[in-house]
Amino acid sequence: MSGRIVVGYTATDAGADAVALGARLAAASGAELDLVLVLPADERSVITPPDAGYDTHLRERATEWLRDASDMVGDLVSHRTHVRYGESFGDGLLLAATELGASHIVVGAANGGLRGKHRLGTVASELLHSSDVPVVLAPEGSRRIDASTGITRVTVAIGTRPGADVLLEEAVSLAAATQSELRLVSLVTVDLPAGIDTGVIRVVGAAHADDMLAQARSALSDDIDAEAVVASGDSIEDAVSHLGWEPGEIAVVGSSRLAQPRRLFLGSTAAKMLHELPVPMIVVPRTRATEGVTP
């Protein structure tokens, strides 16, 4: 996963969380980092005084804030800073990601979230309904994790719904790029209709896990460990809460099957996982940006 990672920065704790996670991910994968701060476009000048001096002052403050963000990264990874303008913060980030050819966009949780937990704010919600590249959600407190922690394990949750192949490819690619362990979590039992015999559930779950593991190992080098487990619990939330999570772990989930091709839309399964996950989450579009639009 070489290339560029865009971080949406604001001079807040959430912005610091995004910078810290983006830097760890870039350092582990060999990517370069772009710290982007988005200011309101001219068309939205009604919310600020129509004063050129004020605009200059705001630009200068934005540059200062980005300098602080750059100091957070230090020498950990090659990075650049950018002040951009957009109709919204999310719009500005998407335009920057497109121009820079970014592989991922990283944003922090909304203010007021519990430490180690996710709380979607306006920017994250906008991105999760419109981005054509994976969006990385940094939980509150990511800024407190030591940069040397890196990325130790990639966990991907996969069911039987459309887009599972793309999701597995993303997780395998990320594990290979970061030289981290890969854990495949089968959600096939969650996708089965209620009332199915428990024996059938065990057989189907084990078969799905084995199939995922075989696909992953065919694409991974021998020095990367991979395992497959079957999610168990009365609900998605219950299943996620029973999984062990490492400080340097990152979870990968797919967008809803209702999403338009090459776009994100946070589905019910991912949304339920989000509330329980104590680690960063990457939400992946259900089709690759290089693929043609399918019906």
Protein backbone atom coordinates (compact mmCIF):
# COMPACT_ATOMS: atom_id res chain seq x y z
CA MET A 1 0.00 0.00 0.00
CA SER A 2 2.44 2.62 -1.16
CA GLY A 3 1.27 5.99 -2.37
CA ARG A 4 -0.32 8.79 -0.38
CA ILE A 5 -2.60 9.02 2.63
CA VAL A 6 -4.69 12.14 3.18
CA VAL A 7 -5.43 13.23 6.76
CA GLY A 8 -8.27 15.64 7.43
CA TYR A 9 -6.84 17.96 10.08
CA THR A 10 -8.54 20.34 12.47
CA ALA A 11 -6.89 22.01 15.47
CA THR A 12 -8.75 19.72 17.87
CA ASP A 13 -8.13 16.46 19.72
CA ALA A 14 -9.94 14.66 16.90
CA GLY A 15 -7.54 16.24 14.42
CA ALA A 16 -4.58 15.10 16.50
CA ASP A 17 -6.03 11.57 16.61
CA ALA A 18 -6.29 11.54 12.81
CA VAL A 19 -2.70 12.78 12.40
CA ALA A 20 -1.33 10.19 14.83
CA LEU A 21 -3.13 7.30 13.15
CA GLY A 22 -2.34 8.53 9.64
CA ALA A 23 1.35 8.79 10.53
CA ARG A 24 1.41 5.28 12.01
CA LEU A 25 -0.34 3.84 8.97
CA ALA A 26 1.92 5.69 6.52
CA ALA A 27 5.09 4.69 8.37
CA ALA A 28 4.04 1.04 8.51
CA SER A 29 3.04 0.86 4.84
CA GLY A 30 5.71 3.05 3.26
CA ALA A 31 3.20 5.68 2.13
CA GLU A 32 3.60 9.44 2.21
CA LEU A 33 1.32 11.66 4.27
CA ASP A 34 -0.68 14.71 3.22
CA LEU A 35 -2.09 16.82 6.05
CA VAL A 36 -5.07 18.76 4.70
CA LEU A 37 -6.97 21.58 6.40
CA VAL A 38 -10.10 22.74 4.57
CA LEU A 39 -11.41 26.31 4.74
CA PRO A 40 -14.84 27.47 3.48
CA ALA A 41 -14.95 28.18 -0.24
CA ASP A 42 -15.67 31.71 -1.48
CA GLU A 43 -19.27 30.76 -2.18
CA ARG A 44 -19.78 30.33 1.54
CA SER A 45 -18.29 33.68 2.50
CA VAL A 46 -21.66 34.66 4.03
CA ILE A 47 -20.54 32.94 7.24
CA THR A 48 -17.45 35.15 7.51
CA PRO A 49 -16.98 38.90 7.16
CA PRO A 50 -16.39 39.91 3.49
CA ASP A 51 -13.01 41.27 4.42
CA ALA A 52 -9.81 40.43 2.55
CA GLY A 53 -7.87 41.06 5.76
CA TYR A 54 -9.93 38.47 7.59
CA ASP A 55 -9.38 35.92 4.80
CA THR A 56 -5.62 36.52 5.01
CA HIS A 57 -5.73 36.12 8.78
CA LEU A 58 -7.66 32.86 8.50
CA ARG A 59 -5.20 31.51 5.93
CA GLU A 60 -2.30 32.39 8.23
CA ARG A 61 -3.96 30.68 11.19
CA ALA A 62 -4.59 27.59 9.07
CA THR A 63 -0.92 27.52 8.11
CA GLU A 64 0.04 27.76 11.79
CA TRP A 65 -2.31 24.93 12.71
CA LEU A 66 -0.84 22.76 9.97
CA ARG A 67 2.64 23.56 11.24
CA ASP A 68 1.55 22.15 14.60
CA ALA A 69 0.25 19.03 12.86
CA SER A 70 3.54 18.67 11.00
CA ASP A 71 5.40 18.87 14.32
CA MET A 72 3.29 15.95 15.58
CA VAL A 73 4.49 13.82 12.68
CA GLY A 74 8.11 14.93 12.97
CA ASP A 75 10.56 12.64 11.19
CA LEU A 76 8.34 9.57 11.43
CA VAL A 77 7.23 9.76 7.79
CA SER A 78 7.58 11.99 4.74
CA HIS A 79 4.71 14.46 4.73
CA ARG A 80 3.34 17.68 3.24
CA THR A 81 0.74 20.19 4.40
CA HIS A 82 -2.07 21.72 2.36
CA VAL A 83 -4.67 24.44 2.90
CA ARG A 84 -7.67 23.76 0.68
CA TYR A 85 -11.09 25.31 0.12
CA GLY A 86 -14.33 23.43 -0.25
CA GLU A 87 -18.11 23.62 -0.02
CA SER A 88 -17.65 21.50 3.10
CA PHE A 89 -14.74 19.94 4.94
CA GLY A 90 -15.58 16.55 3.48
CA ASP A 91 -15.84 17.97 -0.03
CA GLY A 92 -12.41 19.58 0.31
CA LEU A 93 -10.89 16.32 1.50
CA LEU A 94 -12.38 14.36 -1.39
CA LEU A 95 -11.06 16.87 -3.92
CA ALA A 96 -7.61 16.74 -2.30
CA ALA A 97 -7.62 12.93 -2.27
CA THR A 98 -8.54 12.83 -5.95
CA GLU A 99 -5.87 15.37 -6.93
CA LEU A 100 -3.15 13.69 -4.87
CA GLY A 101 -4.12 10.16 -5.88
CA ALA A 102 -4.57 9.14 -2.25
CA SER A 103 -5.26 5.54 -1.30
CA HIS A 104 -6.99 6.43 1.99
CA ILE A 105 -8.55 9.37 3.85
CA VAL A 106 -8.11 9.51 7.65
CA VAL A 107 -10.43 11.45 9.96
CA GLY A 108 -10.95 11.58 13.71
CA ALA A 109 -14.02 10.92 15.84
CA ALA A 110 -16.54 13.62 16.75
CA ASN A 111 -15.84 15.56 19.92
CA GLY A 112 -17.31 14.05 23.06
CA GLY A 113 -16.57 10.42 22.23
CA LEU A 114 -15.36 7.98 24.88
CA ARG A 115 -11.69 7.13 24.84
CA GLY A 116 -10.95 4.31 22.43
CA LYS A 117 -14.40 4.55 20.86
CA HIS A 118 -15.84 5.90 17.63
CA ARG A 119 -18.39 8.68 17.38
CA LEU A 120 -19.21 9.82 13.87
CA GLY A 121 -19.17 13.55 13.25
CA THR A 122 -20.38 15.55 10.28
CA VAL A 123 -17.18 15.12 8.25
CA ALA A 124 -16.94 11.35 8.76
CA SER A 125 -20.64 10.90 7.98
CA GLU A 126 -20.27 12.90 4.77
CA LEU A 127 -17.26 10.88 3.66
CA LEU A 128 -18.97 7.60 4.47
CA HIS A 129 -21.72 8.50 2.03
CA SER A 130 -19.62 9.86 -0.81
CA SER A 131 -15.99 8.73 -0.82
CA ASP A 132 -14.60 6.59 -3.63
CA VAL A 133 -11.50 5.64 -1.59
CA PRO A 134 -11.35 3.81 1.75
CA VAL A 135 -12.02 6.01 4.78
CA VAL A 136 -10.03 5.40 7.97
CA LEU A 137 -11.80 6.32 11.22
CA ALA A 138 -9.52 7.14 14.16
CA PRO A 139 -11.16 6.50 17.54
CA GLU A 140 -10.81 9.02 20.34
CA GLY A 141 -7.43 8.72 22.05
CA SER A 142 -5.47 7.55 18.99
CA ARG A 143 -3.06 10.44 19.64
CA ARG A 144 -1.99 8.76 22.89
CA ILE A 145 -0.79 5.55 21.23
CA ASP A 146 2.98 5.45 20.82
CA ALA A 147 4.03 5.87 17.20
CA SER A 148 6.37 2.89 17.52
CA THR A 149 3.32 0.64 17.99
CA GLY A 150 2.81 0.62 14.23
CA ILE A 151 0.19 -1.71 12.75
CA THR A 152 0.46 -5.16 14.35
CA ARG A 153 -2.63 -6.89 12.98
CA VAL A 154 -5.30 -6.36 10.34
CA THR A 155 -8.72 -7.83 11.08
CA VAL A 156 -11.28 -8.05 8.30
CA ALA A 157 -14.92 -8.97 8.88
CA ILE A 158 -16.47 -10.71 5.87
CA GLY A 159 -19.90 -12.11 5.17
CA THR A 160 -21.42 -13.45 1.97
CA ARG A 161 -22.80 -10.19 0.57
CA PRO A 162 -21.60 -8.45 -2.61
CA GLY A 163 -18.19 -6.80 -2.29
CA ALA A 164 -16.63 -9.50 -0.09
CA ASP A 165 -13.92 -10.20 -2.68
CA VAL A 166 -12.86 -6.54 -2.83
CA LEU A 167 -12.85 -6.35 0.96
CA LEU A 168 -10.60 -9.39 1.26
CA GLU A 169 -8.22 -7.95 -1.35
CA GLU A 170 -7.97 -4.68 0.60
CA ALA A 171 -7.20 -6.48 3.86
CA VAL A 172 -4.61 -8.76 2.28
CA SER A 173 -2.96 -5.79 0.57
CA LEU A 174 -2.85 -3.83 3.83
CA ALA A 175 -1.42 -6.75 5.81
CA ALA A 176 1.25 -7.29 3.16
CA ALA A 177 2.16 -3.60 3.01
CA THR A 178 2.44 -3.25 6.79
CA GLN A 179 3.96 -6.71 7.33
CA SER A 180 1.34 -7.36 9.98
CA GLU A 181 -0.70 -10.39 10.93
CA LEU A 182 -4.03 -10.96 9.20
CA ARG A 183 -7.14 -12.11 11.03
CA LEU A 184 -10.19 -13.08 8.99
CA VAL A 185 -13.49 -12.95 10.85
CA SER A 186 -16.32 -14.83 9.17
CA LEU A 187 -19.72 -13.16 9.53
CA VAL A 188 -21.47 -15.86 7.50
CA THR A 189 -23.36 -17.13 10.56
CA VAL A 190 -24.72 -13.62 11.12
CA ASP A 191 -25.99 -13.53 7.53
CA LEU A 192 -27.87 -16.83 7.88
CA PRO A 193 -31.65 -16.73 8.45
CA ALA A 194 -32.90 -17.11 12.00
CA GLY A 195 -33.91 -20.60 13.08
CA ILE A 196 -31.16 -22.48 11.24
CA ASP A 197 -29.94 -25.60 13.04
CA THR A 198 -26.83 -24.92 15.15
CA GLY A 199 -25.01 -27.84 13.56
CA VAL A 200 -25.56 -26.37 10.10
CA ILE A 201 -24.36 -22.98 11.35
CA ARG A 202 -21.10 -24.50 12.61
CA VAL A 203 -20.46 -26.34 9.34
CA VAL A 204 -21.24 -23.33 7.14
CA GLY A 205 -19.18 -21.00 9.35
CA ALA A 206 -16.15 -23.30 9.35
CA ALA A 207 -16.34 -23.81 5.58
CA HIS A 208 -16.53 -20.06 4.95
CA ALA A 209 -13.58 -19.37 7.27
CA ASP A 210 -11.48 -22.05 5.58
CA ASP A 211 -12.30 -20.65 2.14
CA MET A 212 -11.32 -17.11 3.19
CA LEU A 213 -8.07 -18.35 4.68
CA ALA A 214 -7.16 -20.25 1.51
CA GLN A 215 -7.79 -17.17 -0.62
CA ALA A 216 -5.75 -14.95 1.68
CA ARG A 217 -2.79 -17.30 1.92
CA SER A 218 -2.59 -17.59 -1.85
CA ALA A 219 -1.89 -13.84 -1.98
CA LEU A 220 0.34 -13.49 1.09
CA SER A 221 4.02 -14.20 1.50
CA ASP A 222 5.03 -17.02 3.81
CA ASP A 223 6.35 -14.65 6.48
CA ILE A 224 2.90 -13.16 7.21
CA ASP A 225 0.71 -15.06 9.63
CA ALA A 226 -2.98 -15.44 8.82
CA GLU A 227 -5.82 -17.00 10.77
CA ALA A 228 -9.57 -17.31 10.32
CA VAL A 229 -12.19 -17.31 13.05
CA VAL A 230 -15.98 -17.51 13.03
CA ALA A 231 -17.82 -14.69 14.75
CA SER A 232 -20.07 -15.98 17.51
CA GLY A 233 -22.69 -14.16 19.53
CA ASP A 234 -26.33 -13.19 19.63
CA SER A 235 -25.65 -10.05 17.56
CA ILE A 236 -22.93 -8.23 15.65
CA GLU A 237 -22.20 -6.13 18.74
CA ASP A 238 -21.97 -9.23 20.90
CA ALA A 239 -19.67 -11.00 18.44
CA VAL A 240 -17.32 -8.00 18.15
CA SER A 241 -17.14 -7.53 21.91
CA HIS A 242 -15.99 -11.14 22.34
CA LEU A 243 -13.04 -10.75 19.97
CA GLY A 244 -9.67 -9.79 21.44
CA TRP A 245 -8.11 -6.58 20.09
CA GLU A 246 -4.48 -5.43 20.09
CA PRO A 247 -3.36 -1.78 20.60
CA GLY A 248 -1.80 -1.75 17.13
CA GLU A 249 -4.71 -3.44 15.37
CA ILE A 250 -6.89 -2.01 12.62
CA ALA A 251 -10.26 -3.36 11.46
CA VAL A 252 -11.44 -3.46 7.84
CA VAL A 253 -15.12 -3.55 6.90
CA GLY A 254 -17.07 -3.13 3.69
CA SER A 255 -19.64 -0.53 2.77
CA SER A 256 -23.30 -1.39 2.39
CA ARG A 257 -24.58 -3.34 -0.61
CA LEU A 258 -26.90 -0.35 -1.07
CA ALA A 259 -23.93 1.84 -1.95
CA GLN A 260 -23.47 2.97 -5.52
CA PRO A 261 -20.55 1.27 -7.30
CA ARG A 262 -17.18 2.69 -6.24
CA ARG A 263 -18.82 4.65 -3.39
CA LEU A 264 -19.18 4.18 0.34
CA PHE A 265 -22.34 3.84 2.35
CA LEU A 266 -22.07 2.69 5.95
CA GLY A 267 -24.38 -0.29 6.26
CA SER A 268 -26.05 -1.67 9.37
CA THR A 269 -23.38 -4.32 10.04
CA ALA A 270 -20.49 -1.83 9.91
CA ALA A 271 -22.46 0.70 11.96
CA LYS A 272 -23.09 -1.88 14.67
CA MET A 273 -19.41 -2.87 14.71
CA LEU A 274 -18.39 0.76 14.92
CA HIS A 275 -20.05 1.18 18.30
CA GLU A 276 -18.10 -1.72 19.80
CA LEU A 277 -14.70 -1.47 18.11
CA PRO A 278 -11.84 -0.21 20.31
CA VAL A 279 -9.50 0.09 17.30
CA PRO A 280 -9.39 2.14 14.06
CA MET A 281 -11.79 1.11 11.31
CA ILE A 282 -11.26 1.26 7.54
CA VAL A 283 -14.46 1.32 5.47
CA VAL A 284 -13.89 0.08 1.92
CA PRO A 285 -16.02 0.84 -1.19
CA ARG A 286 -17.69 -2.30 -2.53
CA THR A 287 -16.03 -1.97 -5.96
CA ARG A 288 -12.62 -0.74 -6.97
CA ALA A 289 -12.26 2.74 -8.46
CA THR A 290 -10.66 1.20 -11.54
CA GLU A 291 -13.63 -1.01 -12.26
CA GLY A 292 -16.42 -0.08 -14.58
CA VAL A 293 -19.83 0.77 -13.23
CA THR A 294 -21.94 -2.33 -12.85
CA PRO A 295 -25.72 -2.48 -12.78
